[in-house]
Amino acid sequence: MKHNFFFFTILFLGIFFNCSLLPAEETEDSFDFKLEEFEKKPLQWGGYIEGKLEHFSLNTESSLYLLTIPEKDRSSLDRATGTLQLKGNYSFAKNSLHWLLMGSANADQEEYDDWADIYETYLRLRPTETFTVEAGKQTYKWGTGYAWNPAAFLNRRKNPNDPGEDLEGFISLESTWVHSFGSTLNSMAASLSILPVWEGVNEDFGRRDNVNLAAKIYLLVKDIDVDLIYFTGNSRSTRYGLDFSSNLTTNFAIHGEFSHIPDSNRIVLTEDGSLSPETRSATSYLLGLRYLSEQNITTIIEYYHNGQGYSEEEMNRYYQLAYDTHGVTEPELAAELLAKAFTVSRSGYGAFQSGKNYGYARVTWKEPFDIVYFTPGITTIVNIDDKSWTITPEFLYTGFTNWELRLRASLLAGGRFSEYGEKSTESKIELRARYFF
């Protein structure tokens, strides 16, 4: 199975690379203008096929390498991934049905895995021009941050290294009312969402057998967009949020988010090695800016404080536990430590950016030196507390019709017992080819 998948992926890339290089055939009708082609059709659909090859250089001295890599003598890992996305909507009267389907398969020297899921499928009803109802599985995109969204209580957590990727939604019912004023308060929108958590329904959202409510009020005050957010329910604790964004000039914008959770619950690894539930208040916030220069260089900078994150001391206990799982000769004790370490990881310690303070910067330059369809960029994330970091330069090319080619390299660095110093990977090279249809 592994060998077949590698062969399929390489064959896939070769076929599409060769097809993309073929010259387009021109005919007499190439420049014909047909009005009906611009009319909106009831059924609209598309998606992409993606092939991705990755090479990982492993950090063989790190705690998470010892915890997660089965073959401890391995210094590198190669992975091939194929992904298919199908996205569309069908409109009837003022209503519409939307869907987003995802499927993927990947293989490396250790294992093969595949999955398919419905990311979104919901019905949008619009009984009036100002009132909308959406029911089904949908993705919430609340918040103004690029890498993180502390106030987006119904969002799944982004991958800050690829924040633009589609995320799986939740099954919910949402109603939205919109009104325009035309004064200092230009417009407002009020949304109410109902999100149940039952057996087989949104089980990964929180505690089961509960119905949760979230309300959001959007205000456009002069040139400032503001969201006031409230969440309550027994699946997760009550929380309050606010976000804003504003264009200070045509090429300079600022944004931010704030959230407060009076009773935030988390699992803590204590000094004596036990796991203990903890309830306390937690305040998180994000401040960011976006600047577009005359040379078409876009710069995004963000600072993120994670009020639910773990301190350096708390993270150090997790890394030490991961180290302790290696070298234990007694089988029962080794199995016990390994199970405990994985439990700690799943409780929150192993999540993206589980520390407290982070910096994010991304710079992209569209078509530098008049090289059309070419966009280089660089992204860095810094754990401000332990001084570890990751940096990712990339090159994006869209010169072939319906194609996007991306080459990336990531480097992780940090000292012992630091977030990026303890990752199982110390560098990665990635080549991604995505064909849109």
Protein backbone atom coordinates (compact mmCIF):
# COMPACT_ATOMS: atom_id res chain seq x y z
CA MET A 1 0.00 0.00 0.00
CA LYS A 2 2.79 2.43 0.87
CA HIS A 3 4.70 1.81 -2.33
CA ASN A 4 1.55 2.08 -4.43
CA PHE A 5 0.70 5.42 -2.91
CA PHE A 6 4.17 6.85 -3.49
CA PHE A 7 4.02 5.70 -7.09
CA PHE A 8 0.54 7.22 -7.54
CA THR A 9 1.62 10.55 -6.11
CA ILE A 10 4.74 10.84 -8.25
CA LEU A 11 2.77 9.80 -11.34
CA PHE A 12 0.13 12.38 -10.53
CA LEU A 13 2.66 15.18 -10.25
CA GLY A 14 4.42 14.17 -13.45
CA ILE A 15 1.22 14.04 -15.51
CA PHE A 16 -0.02 17.41 -14.36
CA PHE A 17 3.35 19.14 -14.63
CA ASN A 18 3.63 17.95 -18.23
CA CYS A 19 0.04 18.93 -19.08
CA SER A 20 0.55 22.39 -17.64
CA LEU A 21 3.52 23.00 -19.91
CA LEU A 22 1.64 22.21 -23.10
CA PRO A 23 0.82 25.31 -25.18
CA ALA A 24 -2.84 26.33 -25.31
CA GLU A 25 -4.51 25.80 -28.67
CA GLU A 26 -5.96 29.00 -30.14
CA THR A 27 -9.03 29.01 -32.39
CA GLU A 28 -11.11 31.56 -34.16
CA ASP A 29 -13.52 31.58 -31.23
CA SER A 30 -10.83 32.23 -28.61
CA PHE A 31 -11.89 35.83 -28.13
CA ASP A 32 -15.62 35.48 -28.68
CA PHE A 33 -17.76 37.37 -26.16
CA LYS A 34 -20.86 35.51 -24.99
CA LEU A 35 -23.14 37.31 -22.54
CA GLU A 36 -24.65 34.09 -21.19
CA GLU A 37 -21.23 33.03 -19.88
CA PHE A 38 -21.40 35.86 -17.35
CA GLU A 39 -24.88 35.01 -16.07
CA LYS A 40 -24.89 33.41 -12.63
CA LYS A 41 -25.85 29.75 -12.88
CA PRO A 42 -27.91 28.00 -10.17
CA LEU A 43 -25.26 25.30 -9.73
CA GLN A 44 -21.68 26.42 -9.12
CA TRP A 45 -18.94 24.02 -8.13
CA GLY A 46 -15.19 23.58 -8.20
CA GLY A 47 -12.30 22.59 -6.00
CA TYR A 48 -8.75 21.39 -6.37
CA ILE A 49 -6.52 18.35 -6.64
CA GLU A 50 -3.27 18.62 -4.72
CA GLY A 51 -0.06 16.65 -4.61
CA LYS A 52 2.51 17.40 -1.90
CA LEU A 53 5.98 16.00 -1.19
CA GLU A 54 7.71 16.72 2.13
CA HIS A 55 11.16 15.93 3.49
CA PHE A 56 11.63 16.22 7.26
CA SER A 57 15.00 16.41 9.00
CA LEU A 58 14.36 15.10 12.48
CA ASN A 59 15.69 16.54 15.73
CA THR A 60 16.98 13.30 17.20
CA GLU A 61 17.98 14.93 20.50
CA SER A 62 14.56 16.44 21.28
CA SER A 63 12.01 15.19 23.79
CA LEU A 64 9.15 14.97 21.29
CA TYR A 65 11.32 12.94 18.90
CA LEU A 66 11.83 10.38 21.66
CA LEU A 67 8.09 10.44 22.35
CA THR A 68 6.61 10.30 18.86
CA ILE A 69 9.07 8.62 16.46
CA PRO A 70 8.73 4.81 16.62
CA GLU A 71 12.11 4.08 15.00
CA LYS A 72 14.51 6.02 17.22
CA ASP A 73 17.42 5.59 14.80
CA ARG A 74 15.64 7.52 12.04
CA SER A 75 17.08 10.96 11.18
CA SER A 76 14.74 11.91 8.34
CA LEU A 77 11.26 11.23 7.05
CA ASP A 78 9.71 11.55 3.57
CA ARG A 79 6.00 11.98 3.12
CA ALA A 80 3.75 12.07 0.05
CA THR A 81 0.21 13.43 0.27
CA GLY A 82 -2.67 13.61 -2.17
CA THR A 83 -5.72 15.78 -1.42
CA LEU A 84 -9.04 16.38 -3.16
CA GLN A 85 -11.44 19.24 -2.41
CA LEU A 86 -14.96 19.60 -3.81
CA LYS A 87 -16.77 22.86 -3.10
CA GLY A 88 -20.01 24.27 -4.46
CA ASN A 89 -23.46 25.72 -3.97
CA TYR A 90 -26.88 25.50 -5.53
CA SER A 91 -29.11 28.59 -5.54
CA PHE A 92 -32.89 28.61 -5.76
CA ALA A 93 -34.96 31.79 -5.34
CA LYS A 94 -33.13 33.71 -2.60
CA ASN A 95 -31.90 30.54 -0.90
CA SER A 96 -28.88 28.31 -1.42
CA LEU A 97 -27.32 25.00 -0.45
CA HIS A 98 -23.54 24.98 0.21
CA TRP A 99 -21.04 22.14 0.58
CA LEU A 100 -17.31 21.57 1.08
CA LEU A 101 -15.94 18.01 0.90
CA MET A 102 -12.35 17.04 1.67
CA GLY A 103 -10.38 13.83 1.29
CA SER A 104 -6.70 13.08 1.70
CA ALA A 105 -4.19 10.22 1.79
CA ASN A 106 -0.57 10.30 2.91
CA ALA A 107 2.26 7.84 3.33
CA ASP A 108 5.78 7.92 4.74
CA GLN A 109 8.31 5.31 5.84
CA GLU A 110 6.37 4.74 9.06
CA GLU A 111 2.70 4.54 8.10
CA TYR A 112 -0.11 5.09 5.62
CA ASP A 113 -3.24 7.08 6.45
CA ASP A 114 -6.28 8.31 4.58
CA TRP A 115 -9.49 10.10 5.47
CA ALA A 116 -12.52 11.80 3.94
CA ASP A 117 -14.90 14.22 5.64
CA ILE A 118 -17.69 16.70 5.09
CA TYR A 119 -16.24 20.04 6.12
CA GLU A 120 -19.41 21.98 5.35
CA THR A 121 -22.95 21.27 4.21
CA TYR A 122 -25.57 23.82 5.15
CA LEU A 123 -28.75 25.44 3.89
CA ARG A 124 -28.97 29.23 3.72
CA LEU A 125 -32.49 30.70 3.78
CA ARG A 126 -33.14 34.37 3.13
CA PRO A 127 -36.79 35.15 3.83
CA THR A 128 -36.16 38.93 3.67
CA GLU A 129 -33.38 41.20 2.44
CA THR A 130 -32.19 41.79 6.01
CA PHE A 131 -32.69 38.38 7.64
CA THR A 132 -30.76 35.13 6.98
CA VAL A 133 -30.93 31.67 8.53
CA GLU A 134 -28.22 29.02 8.07
CA ALA A 135 -28.61 25.44 9.25
CA GLY A 136 -26.19 22.55 8.97
CA LYS A 137 -22.46 22.01 9.24
CA GLN A 138 -20.69 25.31 8.62
CA THR A 139 -17.35 26.96 9.27
CA TYR A 140 -17.26 30.05 11.46
CA LYS A 141 -14.63 32.62 10.52
CA TRP A 142 -14.98 35.03 13.38
CA GLY A 143 -12.05 37.21 14.38
CA THR A 144 -9.66 39.56 12.62
CA GLY A 145 -6.29 37.93 13.38
CA TYR A 146 -4.29 36.24 10.61
CA ALA A 147 -2.44 33.60 12.64
CA TRP A 148 -4.62 33.37 15.76
CA ASN A 149 -8.20 34.20 16.76
CA PRO A 150 -8.59 34.31 20.56
CA ALA A 151 -12.12 35.81 20.32
CA ALA A 152 -13.46 33.35 17.72
CA PHE A 153 -15.27 31.03 20.11
CA LEU A 154 -16.90 28.86 17.41
CA ASN A 155 -13.82 28.53 15.20
CA ARG A 156 -11.50 25.58 15.07
CA ARG A 157 -7.91 26.51 15.77
CA LYS A 158 -5.87 27.53 12.73
CA ASN A 159 -2.45 26.22 11.86
CA PRO A 160 -0.42 29.49 12.13
CA ASN A 161 2.02 28.14 9.53
CA ASP A 162 -0.85 27.83 7.02
CA PRO A 163 -3.71 29.99 8.38
CA GLY A 164 -5.52 30.28 5.06
CA GLU A 165 -6.36 26.58 4.75
CA ASP A 166 -9.98 25.42 5.02
CA LEU A 167 -11.14 24.16 8.42
CA GLU A 168 -13.88 21.70 9.32
CA GLY A 169 -17.10 23.29 10.55
CA PHE A 170 -19.58 22.51 13.33
CA ILE A 171 -23.25 21.53 13.06
CA SER A 172 -25.26 24.56 14.14
CA LEU A 173 -28.19 26.86 13.49
CA GLU A 174 -27.44 30.54 12.91
CA SER A 175 -29.71 33.52 12.29
CA THR A 176 -28.45 36.96 11.21
CA TRP A 177 -30.22 40.31 10.99
CA VAL A 178 -28.59 43.23 9.14
CA HIS A 179 -29.55 46.91 9.16
CA SER A 180 -27.99 50.02 7.59
CA PHE A 181 -28.16 53.44 9.24
CA GLY A 182 -26.08 55.83 7.13
CA SER A 183 -24.77 57.93 10.01
CA THR A 184 -21.81 57.56 12.39
CA LEU A 185 -23.04 54.02 12.92
CA ASN A 186 -23.09 53.00 9.26
CA SER A 187 -24.49 49.52 9.73
CA MET A 188 -24.92 46.70 12.22
CA ALA A 189 -25.59 42.97 12.17
CA ALA A 190 -26.75 40.71 14.98
CA SER A 191 -26.15 36.96 14.87
CA LEU A 192 -27.35 34.20 17.17
CA SER A 193 -25.92 30.68 16.88
CA ILE A 194 -27.13 27.47 18.50
CA LEU A 195 -24.55 24.67 18.67
CA PRO A 196 -25.52 21.31 20.21
CA VAL A 197 -23.08 18.72 21.51
CA TRP A 198 -24.62 15.27 21.55
CA GLU A 199 -23.45 11.75 20.81
CA GLY A 200 -22.19 11.86 17.22
CA VAL A 201 -22.80 15.62 16.94
CA ASN A 202 -19.94 18.10 17.55
CA GLU A 203 -18.39 15.74 20.11
CA ASP A 204 -14.96 17.36 19.79
CA PHE A 205 -16.36 20.78 20.73
CA GLY A 206 -16.69 20.03 24.45
CA ARG A 207 -18.80 18.23 27.05
CA ARG A 208 -21.66 16.18 25.62
CA ASP A 209 -25.44 16.47 26.11
CA ASN A 210 -25.48 20.25 26.06
CA VAL A 211 -26.81 23.03 23.83
CA ASN A 212 -24.58 26.12 23.54
CA LEU A 213 -25.42 29.67 22.48
CA ALA A 214 -23.20 32.30 20.87
CA ALA A 215 -24.16 35.86 19.99
CA LYS A 216 -22.23 38.34 17.85
CA ILE A 217 -23.02 41.99 17.15
CA TYR A 218 -21.18 43.59 14.26
CA LEU A 219 -20.87 47.40 14.11
CA LEU A 220 -19.41 49.57 11.37
CA VAL A 221 -18.60 52.83 13.16
CA LYS A 222 -17.24 55.28 10.59
CA ASP A 223 -14.28 53.28 9.20
CA ILE A 224 -13.91 50.85 12.12
CA ASP A 225 -15.31 47.30 12.04
CA VAL A 226 -16.15 46.02 15.52
CA ASP A 227 -17.53 42.66 16.72
CA LEU A 228 -18.91 42.10 20.23
CA ILE A 229 -19.07 38.37 21.01
CA TYR A 230 -20.66 36.33 23.80
CA PHE A 231 -20.67 32.57 24.34
CA THR A 232 -22.42 30.53 26.99
CA GLY A 233 -23.14 26.83 27.44
CA ASN A 234 -22.07 23.82 29.46
CA SER A 235 -19.86 22.28 26.78
CA ARG A 236 -17.38 25.10 27.32
CA SER A 237 -17.33 27.82 29.95
CA THR A 238 -18.88 31.27 29.40
CA ARG A 239 -16.64 33.77 27.61
CA TYR A 240 -16.67 37.32 26.27
CA GLY A 241 -14.89 38.67 23.20
CA LEU A 242 -14.24 41.71 21.07
CA ASP A 243 -12.43 42.25 17.78
CA PHE A 244 -11.82 45.22 15.53
CA SER A 245 -10.15 46.23 12.30
CA SER A 246 -9.63 49.59 10.60
CA ASN A 247 -7.87 51.04 7.58
CA LEU A 248 -5.86 54.01 8.84
CA THR A 249 -4.82 54.78 5.26
CA THR A 250 -5.44 53.06 1.92
CA ASN A 251 -2.41 50.82 2.46
CA PHE A 252 -2.15 50.58 6.25
CA ALA A 253 -4.59 48.68 8.50
CA ILE A 254 -4.65 47.61 12.13
CA HIS A 255 -6.62 44.84 13.80
CA GLY A 256 -7.00 43.22 17.19
CA GLU A 257 -8.91 40.76 19.34
CA PHE A 258 -9.67 40.41 23.05
CA SER A 259 -11.26 37.58 25.01
CA HIS A 260 -11.98 36.96 28.67
CA ILE A 261 -12.97 33.63 30.21
CA PRO A 262 -13.95 34.00 33.89
CA ASP A 263 -13.72 30.24 34.54
CA SER A 264 -11.19 28.73 32.18
CA ASN A 265 -10.61 25.00 32.58
CA ARG A 266 -7.38 23.26 31.73
CA ILE A 267 -5.29 20.24 32.76
CA VAL A 268 -1.96 20.94 34.46
CA LEU A 269 1.00 18.61 34.99
CA THR A 270 2.02 19.30 38.58
CA GLU A 271 5.48 19.12 40.20
CA ASP A 272 4.80 15.65 41.61
CA GLY A 273 3.97 14.36 38.12
CA SER A 274 0.20 14.10 38.53
CA LEU A 275 -2.45 15.58 36.22
CA SER A 276 -4.67 18.12 37.94
CA PRO A 277 -7.69 20.06 36.61
CA GLU A 278 -7.45 23.81 37.15
CA THR A 279 -10.08 26.54 36.91
CA ARG A 280 -9.10 30.20 36.76
CA SER A 281 -9.82 33.34 34.77
CA ALA A 282 -7.95 33.77 31.49
CA THR A 283 -7.57 36.86 29.32
CA SER A 284 -6.12 36.63 25.81
CA TYR A 285 -5.51 39.33 23.25
CA LEU A 286 -3.96 39.97 19.86
CA LEU A 287 -2.73 43.16 18.18
CA GLY A 288 -1.65 43.32 14.55
CA LEU A 289 -1.00 45.48 11.52
CA ARG A 290 -0.97 45.05 7.76
CA TYR A 291 0.99 47.32 5.42
CA LEU A 292 1.12 47.32 1.62
CA SER A 293 4.06 49.26 0.15
CA GLU A 294 4.28 50.96 -3.23
CA GLN A 295 6.49 48.06 -4.38
CA ASN A 296 3.59 45.61 -3.72
CA ILE A 297 5.22 44.21 -0.57
CA THR A 298 2.68 43.11 2.03
CA THR A 299 3.78 42.97 5.67
CA ILE A 300 1.69 41.44 8.46
CA ILE A 301 2.87 41.63 12.08
CA GLU A 302 1.01 40.28 15.12
CA TYR A 303 1.56 39.93 18.86
CA TYR A 304 -0.47 37.27 20.65
CA HIS A 305 -0.91 36.73 24.39
CA ASN A 306 -2.47 33.36 25.18
CA GLY A 307 -4.13 33.60 28.58
CA GLN A 308 -4.91 29.87 28.54
CA GLY A 309 -1.33 28.95 27.67
CA TYR A 310 1.26 27.21 29.82
CA SER A 311 4.20 28.89 31.50
CA GLU A 312 7.80 27.91 30.75
CA GLU A 313 7.96 25.92 33.98
CA GLU A 314 4.78 24.01 33.11
CA MET A 315 6.04 23.22 29.61
CA ASN A 316 9.38 22.06 31.02
CA ARG A 317 7.59 19.39 33.07
CA TYR A 318 5.97 18.10 29.87
CA TYR A 319 9.30 17.95 28.03
CA GLN A 320 10.93 16.19 30.99
CA LEU A 321 8.12 13.61 31.03
CA ALA A 322 8.73 12.99 27.30
CA TYR A 323 12.45 12.46 28.02
CA ASP A 324 11.58 10.06 30.84
CA THR A 325 9.72 7.76 28.44
CA HIS A 326 13.01 6.93 26.71
CA GLY A 327 15.46 4.44 28.12
CA VAL A 328 13.07 2.75 30.58
CA THR A 329 13.82 -0.98 30.53
CA GLU A 330 10.82 -2.20 32.54
CA PRO A 331 7.97 -2.78 30.01
CA GLU A 332 5.08 -1.95 32.35
CA LEU A 333 6.67 1.29 33.57
CA ALA A 334 7.60 2.31 30.02
CA ALA A 335 4.03 1.73 28.82
CA GLU A 336 2.65 3.70 31.79
CA LEU A 337 4.94 6.69 31.16
CA LEU A 338 4.21 6.66 27.43
CA ALA A 339 0.44 6.59 27.98
CA LYS A 340 0.74 9.43 30.49
CA ALA A 341 2.85 11.55 28.12
CA PHE A 342 0.33 11.15 25.31
CA THR A 343 -2.51 12.05 27.68
CA VAL A 344 -0.68 15.23 28.70
CA SER A 345 -0.08 16.08 25.05
CA ARG A 346 -3.75 15.65 24.13
CA SER A 347 -4.88 17.71 27.14
CA GLY A 348 -3.38 20.88 25.64
CA TYR A 349 0.39 20.73 25.95
CA GLY A 350 0.81 19.39 22.42
CA ALA A 351 -1.36 22.01 20.68
CA PHE A 352 -0.09 24.68 18.28
CA GLN A 353 1.50 27.51 20.29
CA SER A 354 0.54 26.24 23.74
CA GLY A 355 2.78 28.81 25.47
CA LYS A 356 1.84 32.33 26.55
CA ASN A 357 3.43 35.00 24.33
CA TYR A 358 4.12 34.90 20.59
CA GLY A 359 5.19 37.14 17.75
CA TYR A 360 4.23 36.59 14.11
CA ALA A 361 5.54 38.26 10.97
CA ARG A 362 4.85 37.54 7.33
CA VAL A 363 6.25 39.42 4.32
CA THR A 364 5.25 38.67 0.71
CA TRP A 365 6.36 40.47 -2.45
CA LYS A 366 4.06 40.13 -5.44
CA GLU A 367 5.83 39.97 -8.80
CA PRO A 368 9.22 41.41 -7.73
CA PHE A 369 11.32 42.96 -10.50
CA ASP A 370 8.33 42.46 -12.85
CA ILE A 371 8.56 38.67 -12.68
CA VAL A 372 4.90 37.95 -13.38
CA TYR A 373 2.95 35.25 -11.53
CA PHE A 374 5.75 34.94 -8.97
CA THR A 375 5.40 35.77 -5.27
CA PRO A 376 8.21 35.07 -2.77
CA GLY A 377 7.55 35.36 0.93
CA ILE A 378 8.85 34.63 4.40
CA THR A 379 7.04 33.84 7.65
CA THR A 380 8.39 33.64 11.18
CA ILE A 381 6.82 32.74 14.52
CA VAL A 382 8.67 33.45 17.76
CA ASN A 383 7.95 32.14 21.25
CA ILE A 384 8.81 35.35 23.10
CA ASP A 385 9.17 33.66 26.49
CA ASP A 386 11.70 30.94 25.66
CA LYS A 387 13.25 32.72 22.61
CA SER A 388 12.71 29.76 20.24
CA TRP A 389 11.48 30.34 16.71
CA THR A 390 10.61 29.00 13.30
CA ILE A 391 11.23 30.69 9.95
CA THR A 392 9.69 29.68 6.61
CA PRO A 393 10.75 31.17 3.26
CA GLU A 394 8.56 30.24 0.29
CA PHE A 395 8.12 30.74 -3.45
CA LEU A 396 4.69 30.77 -5.10
CA TYR A 397 4.15 30.53 -8.86
CA THR A 398 0.77 30.76 -10.66
CA GLY A 399 1.91 31.14 -14.27
CA PHE A 400 0.14 28.00 -15.52
CA THR A 401 -3.62 28.25 -15.99
CA ASN A 402 -5.50 26.93 -12.94
CA TRP A 403 -2.24 25.90 -11.28
CA GLU A 404 -0.53 26.96 -8.08
CA LEU A 405 3.00 25.73 -7.33
CA ARG A 406 4.57 26.37 -3.94
CA LEU A 407 8.05 25.56 -2.65
CA ARG A 408 8.68 26.01 1.07
CA ALA A 409 11.49 25.41 3.54
CA SER A 410 11.06 25.61 7.32
CA LEU A 411 13.74 25.85 9.97
CA LEU A 412 13.05 25.42 13.70
CA ALA A 413 15.52 26.56 16.35
CA GLY A 414 15.69 26.90 20.10
CA GLY A 415 17.49 25.73 23.22
CA ARG A 416 16.79 22.71 25.36
CA PHE A 417 13.33 22.80 26.98
CA SER A 418 12.12 25.44 24.51
CA GLU A 419 9.07 25.00 22.28
CA TYR A 420 10.78 24.86 18.89
CA GLY A 421 13.95 23.34 20.30
CA GLU A 422 11.95 20.32 21.51
CA LYS A 423 9.95 19.68 18.34
CA SER A 424 10.57 16.34 16.65
CA THR A 425 11.47 18.17 13.42
CA GLU A 426 14.34 20.62 12.99
CA SER A 427 13.70 21.47 9.31
CA LYS A 428 11.33 20.68 6.47
CA ILE A 429 11.27 21.11 2.69
CA GLU A 430 7.88 21.02 0.96
CA LEU A 431 6.79 21.06 -2.68
CA ARG A 432 3.08 21.50 -3.32
CA ALA A 433 1.25 21.44 -6.66
CA ARG A 434 -2.43 22.40 -6.60
CA TYR A 435 -4.72 22.27 -9.65
CA PHE A 436 -8.01 24.21 -9.43
CA PHE A 437 -11.05 23.21 -11.46
